[in-house]
Protein backbone atom coordinates (compact mmCIF):
# COMPACT_ATOMS: atom_id res chain seq x y z
CA MET A 1 117.65 -49.78 -84.45
CA PRO A 2 114.79 -49.36 -86.50
CA ASP A 3 112.23 -46.83 -85.38
CA ASP A 4 109.26 -48.72 -83.70
CA GLN A 5 106.47 -46.60 -85.62
CA GLY A 6 108.26 -46.91 -88.98
CA SER A 7 108.65 -50.79 -88.56
CA CYS A 8 104.61 -51.07 -87.90
CA GLN A 9 104.02 -48.66 -90.62
CA MET A 10 105.69 -50.76 -92.87
CA ALA A 11 104.10 -54.10 -91.67
CA SER A 12 100.89 -52.14 -92.19
CA ARG A 13 101.35 -51.17 -95.70
CA SER A 14 102.36 -54.69 -96.54
CA GLN A 15 99.28 -56.07 -95.21
CA HIS A 16 97.37 -54.20 -97.22
CA GLY A 17 99.18 -55.00 -100.51
CA LEU A 18 98.89 -58.73 -99.66
CA LEU A 19 95.16 -58.34 -99.17
CA SER A 20 94.97 -56.61 -102.66
CA ILE A 21 96.47 -59.41 -104.32
CA VAL A 22 94.07 -61.76 -102.48
CA TRP A 23 91.52 -59.68 -103.77
CA CYS A 24 92.77 -59.43 -106.96
CA ILE A 25 93.10 -63.02 -107.25
CA GLY A 26 89.77 -63.63 -106.46
CA TRP A 27 88.04 -61.45 -108.59
CA LEU A 28 90.01 -63.07 -111.60
CA SER A 29 88.91 -66.15 -110.98
CA LEU A 30 85.46 -65.67 -109.69
CA VAL A 31 83.98 -62.72 -112.03
CA TYR A 32 82.78 -63.10 -115.51
CA ASP A 33 81.49 -60.72 -118.26
CA SER A 34 78.27 -62.49 -118.18
CA PRO A 35 76.06 -65.71 -116.91
CA SER A 36 76.47 -67.08 -120.06
CA SER A 37 80.48 -66.90 -119.48
CA HIS A 38 80.47 -68.31 -115.97
CA PRO A 39 81.58 -72.38 -115.81
CA ARG A 40 80.09 -72.84 -112.61
CA ILE A 41 76.51 -71.40 -112.46
CA SER A 42 73.25 -73.63 -112.96
CA ASP A 43 71.00 -73.61 -115.63
CA THR A 44 68.04 -72.58 -113.91
CA GLU A 45 70.61 -69.13 -112.13
CA ARG A 46 71.55 -68.16 -115.49
CA ASP A 47 68.19 -68.14 -117.12
CA TYR A 48 66.72 -66.24 -114.23
CA ILE A 49 69.36 -63.90 -114.47
CA THR A 50 69.22 -63.57 -118.29
CA LYS A 51 65.16 -63.10 -118.46
CA ALA A 52 65.60 -60.50 -115.45
CA VAL A 53 68.07 -58.05 -116.42
CA GLY A 54 68.39 -59.20 -120.06
CA LEU A 55 71.56 -59.49 -122.22
CA GLN A 56 73.40 -56.01 -122.26
CA GLN A 57 76.32 -56.46 -124.86
CA THR A 58 76.68 -52.44 -125.61
CA THR A 59 75.94 -50.42 -122.78
CA GLY A 60 79.26 -50.91 -120.58
CA PHE A 61 80.95 -47.73 -122.03
CA ILE A 62 77.79 -45.96 -121.83
CA SER A 63 78.04 -46.60 -118.59
CA ALA A 64 81.25 -45.72 -117.69
CA LEU A 65 81.32 -42.75 -119.48
CA PRO A 66 79.97 -40.38 -116.84
CA PHE A 67 82.45 -41.49 -114.68
CA LEU A 68 85.69 -41.49 -117.03
CA PHE A 69 84.49 -37.64 -117.51
CA TYR A 70 84.39 -37.62 -113.53
CA TRP A 71 87.87 -38.52 -113.16
CA PHE A 72 88.94 -36.09 -115.74
CA LEU A 73 87.91 -32.83 -114.06
CA MET A 74 88.77 -34.22 -110.92
CA ILE A 75 92.45 -34.20 -112.18
CA LEU A 76 91.85 -30.64 -114.25
CA GLY A 77 89.92 -29.51 -110.98
CA GLY A 78 92.89 -30.11 -108.97
CA TYR A 79 95.29 -28.21 -111.10
CA MET A 80 92.73 -25.67 -111.49
CA ALA A 81 92.30 -24.91 -107.75
CA ASP A 82 96.30 -25.32 -106.89
CA PHE A 83 97.16 -22.77 -109.91
CA ILE A 84 94.94 -20.12 -108.75
CA ILE A 85 95.60 -20.50 -104.98
CA SER A 86 99.34 -20.27 -105.75
CA ARG A 87 99.11 -17.37 -107.76
CA SER A 88 96.97 -15.43 -105.16
CA ILE A 89 93.88 -15.06 -107.83
CA LEU A 90 91.95 -16.14 -104.56
CA ASP A 91 92.47 -16.38 -101.24
CA ARG A 92 91.71 -20.27 -100.38
CA THR A 93 88.30 -20.25 -98.85
CA ALA A 94 87.58 -18.33 -101.67
CA THR A 95 88.61 -20.60 -104.42
CA ARG A 96 86.62 -23.79 -102.20
CA LYS A 97 83.58 -21.86 -102.69
CA LEU A 98 84.14 -21.05 -106.19
CA PHE A 99 84.80 -24.87 -106.79
CA ALA A 100 82.08 -25.73 -104.64
CA VAL A 101 79.55 -24.06 -106.93
CA LEU A 102 81.00 -25.06 -109.81
CA GLY A 103 80.38 -28.79 -108.41
CA PHE A 104 77.10 -28.32 -107.14
CA VAL A 105 75.20 -25.75 -109.78
CA PRO A 106 75.80 -27.69 -113.05
CA SER A 107 75.28 -31.20 -111.35
CA ILE A 108 71.92 -29.93 -110.05
CA ILE A 109 70.67 -28.23 -113.07
CA CYS A 110 71.68 -31.53 -115.23
CA LEU A 111 70.31 -33.63 -112.20
CA VAL A 112 66.54 -32.16 -112.46
CA SER A 113 66.71 -31.79 -116.38
CA VAL A 114 66.89 -35.62 -116.66
CA GLY A 115 63.18 -35.62 -115.08
CA TYR A 116 62.29 -33.69 -118.37
CA VAL A 117 63.58 -35.11 -121.08
CA GLY A 118 61.23 -37.89 -122.13
CA CYS A 119 62.66 -41.29 -123.42
CA ASP A 120 65.55 -39.49 -125.45
CA VAL A 121 68.02 -41.68 -124.30
CA THR A 122 71.10 -39.80 -125.73
CA LEU A 123 70.52 -36.41 -124.03
CA VAL A 124 69.60 -38.59 -121.02
CA VAL A 125 73.28 -39.77 -120.98
CA VAL A 126 74.56 -36.57 -121.89
CA LEU A 127 72.86 -35.08 -118.57
CA LEU A 128 74.25 -37.62 -116.47
CA THR A 129 78.09 -37.14 -118.04
CA LEU A 130 77.91 -33.74 -117.59
CA GLY A 131 75.85 -33.80 -113.72
CA LEU A 132 78.23 -36.69 -112.14
CA GLY A 133 81.26 -34.89 -113.85
CA THR A 134 81.11 -31.60 -112.97
CA SER A 135 80.35 -32.66 -109.55
CA ALA A 136 84.07 -33.85 -109.11
CA PHE A 137 85.04 -29.80 -108.76
CA CYS A 138 83.70 -30.20 -104.95
CA LEU A 139 86.91 -32.15 -104.34
CA CYS A 140 88.57 -29.09 -104.76
CA GLY A 141 85.99 -27.12 -102.97
CA SER A 142 84.18 -28.36 -99.93
CA SER A 143 85.27 -32.07 -99.78
CA ILE A 144 88.79 -30.84 -99.07
CA CYS A 145 88.40 -28.45 -96.29
CA GLY A 146 89.01 -31.00 -94.11
CA PHE A 147 92.46 -30.39 -94.52
CA ASP A 148 92.44 -27.05 -94.61
CA ILE A 149 90.76 -26.27 -91.27
CA ALA A 150 92.82 -28.70 -89.54
CA PRO A 151 95.33 -30.48 -91.26
CA LYS A 152 96.79 -32.21 -88.31
CA TYR A 153 93.69 -34.16 -87.40
CA ALA A 154 92.43 -34.25 -91.10
CA GLY A 155 91.87 -38.27 -90.77
CA PHE A 156 89.94 -38.02 -87.62
CA LEU A 157 87.81 -35.45 -89.05
CA LEU A 158 87.33 -36.67 -92.52
CA ALA A 159 86.40 -40.21 -91.15
CA ILE A 160 83.78 -38.51 -88.95
CA ILE A 161 82.37 -36.30 -92.21
CA ASN A 162 82.15 -39.54 -94.23
CA CYS A 163 80.58 -41.49 -91.30
CA PHE A 164 77.61 -38.83 -91.35
CA ALA A 165 77.82 -38.37 -95.35
CA GLY A 166 77.71 -42.61 -95.61
CA THR A 167 73.93 -42.28 -94.34
CA ALA A 168 72.92 -41.47 -97.76
CA GLY A 169 74.03 -44.86 -98.57
CA PHE A 170 70.88 -46.28 -97.07
CA LEU A 171 68.46 -43.44 -96.78
CA VAL A 172 68.56 -42.63 -100.66
CA PRO A 173 67.17 -46.11 -101.74
CA LEU A 174 64.41 -45.83 -98.86
CA LEU A 175 63.58 -42.34 -100.02
CA ILE A 176 63.36 -43.39 -103.95
CA GLY A 177 61.33 -46.74 -102.77
CA THR A 178 59.12 -44.59 -101.10
CA LEU A 179 58.28 -42.05 -103.88
CA THR A 180 58.50 -44.38 -106.96
CA THR A 181 56.70 -47.34 -105.94
CA ASN A 182 55.50 -47.25 -109.83
CA GLU A 183 59.23 -47.21 -111.70
CA GLY A 184 56.60 -45.89 -114.71
CA ASN A 185 55.57 -42.86 -113.07
CA VAL A 186 58.13 -40.24 -114.14
CA HIS A 187 56.42 -37.62 -111.61
CA GLY A 188 57.89 -39.53 -108.92
CA TRP A 189 61.43 -39.69 -110.78
CA ARG A 190 61.18 -35.90 -110.63
CA LEU A 191 60.39 -35.63 -107.23
CA VAL A 192 63.25 -37.35 -106.29
CA PHE A 193 65.31 -35.48 -108.38
CA TRP A 194 64.34 -32.19 -106.87
CA THR A 195 64.76 -33.34 -103.82
CA THR A 196 68.55 -34.27 -104.31
CA ALA A 197 68.93 -30.85 -105.75
CA GLY A 198 67.17 -28.82 -103.02
CA VAL A 199 69.63 -30.94 -100.15
CA SER A 200 72.10 -30.32 -102.47
CA MET A 201 71.38 -26.86 -103.05
CA PHE A 202 70.53 -26.17 -99.41
CA GLY A 203 74.51 -27.69 -98.54
CA LEU A 204 75.97 -25.53 -100.94
CA ILE A 205 74.47 -22.25 -99.33
CA VAL A 206 75.61 -23.31 -95.92
CA PHE A 207 79.19 -23.78 -96.83
CA SER A 208 78.98 -20.85 -98.78
CA ILE A 209 77.82 -18.51 -95.78
CA PHE A 210 79.99 -20.51 -93.22
CA GLY A 211 82.49 -22.37 -94.94
CA THR A 212 86.27 -21.29 -94.06
CA ALA A 213 89.54 -22.93 -95.51
CA GLU A 214 91.66 -21.44 -92.75
CA VAL A 215 93.47 -23.52 -90.17
CA GLN A 216 91.10 -23.53 -86.97
CA SER A 217 92.80 -22.59 -83.77
CA TRP A 218 91.98 -25.95 -82.39
CA ALA A 219 94.01 -27.70 -84.92
CA GLN A 220 96.83 -25.27 -84.64
CA GLU A 221 100.57 -26.74 -83.75
CA PRO A 222 101.53 -25.20 -80.43
CA LYS A 223 104.12 -22.48 -80.65
CA THR A 224 107.67 -24.01 -79.46
CA SER A 225 110.14 -21.56 -77.27
CA GLU A 226 113.16 -20.22 -78.25
CA PRO A 227 116.21 -22.72 -76.91
CA ASN A 228 118.04 -21.43 -74.59
CA ARG A 229 121.55 -20.11 -76.23
CA ASN A 230 123.65 -21.36 -73.27
CA ASP A 231 122.05 -25.09 -73.92
CA CYS A 232 124.14 -27.08 -75.94
CA SER A 233 123.07 -29.70 -77.65
CA ASN A 234 124.03 -33.63 -77.10
CA GLY A 235 122.85 -32.61 -73.51
CA LYS A 236 126.21 -31.22 -72.41
CA ALA A 237 126.31 -27.52 -70.66
CA LYS A 238 128.01 -24.50 -72.62
CA PRO A 239 131.26 -23.38 -70.66
CA ASP A 240 130.67 -19.77 -69.28
CA SER A 241 132.66 -17.41 -71.40
CA SER A 242 132.70 -15.01 -68.10
CA ILE A 243 134.61 -17.47 -65.95
């Protein structure tokens, strides 16, 4: 008979795959490159979006560039971290802290610098690309420690971590809205960047001092005692050789 747990896992994967296909069908049929190419939008809505956002025909690649660099360094960082650990150049904890520094420090510097380069669009794009890209090293640093300290409970632990981390998704827009009431005022944006840098640096310092990548005692697998040699497999007792 098939294993019930395995059957449930296969059913779950099938459902996820089906939902992905349905999502792709909806995306391909409903999403268009611009309001002007949408066949079912009203003229009023099309004009409103065009006037509010404008026509942007050449900024797509520039917008994707930071994320492409992030993707590249994410893969590179994984190989680098594994190489350092496998060759015993640094232990696992030191490696995680090293990559946390490589991820946080350059991104903090680049983010703060954006507020002081004026209207130099090229330099802003370069700084944002470097800042977001180098932050990918954090995935090989502090972000992966949940798997290191508690492999058995990594999924549950990361769910809790992401729950608290997700609060930034609604707190940051509120902070930006408060500090940048006048979007043309560069001082408000500088305050936003410095606040972000301060929070990031505080997290880096705390992790550098107290962080660890060693499996915690509460997450270790219980040690099983050695089975009795007189016990035979298949539930049959081994005959006593002394008789």
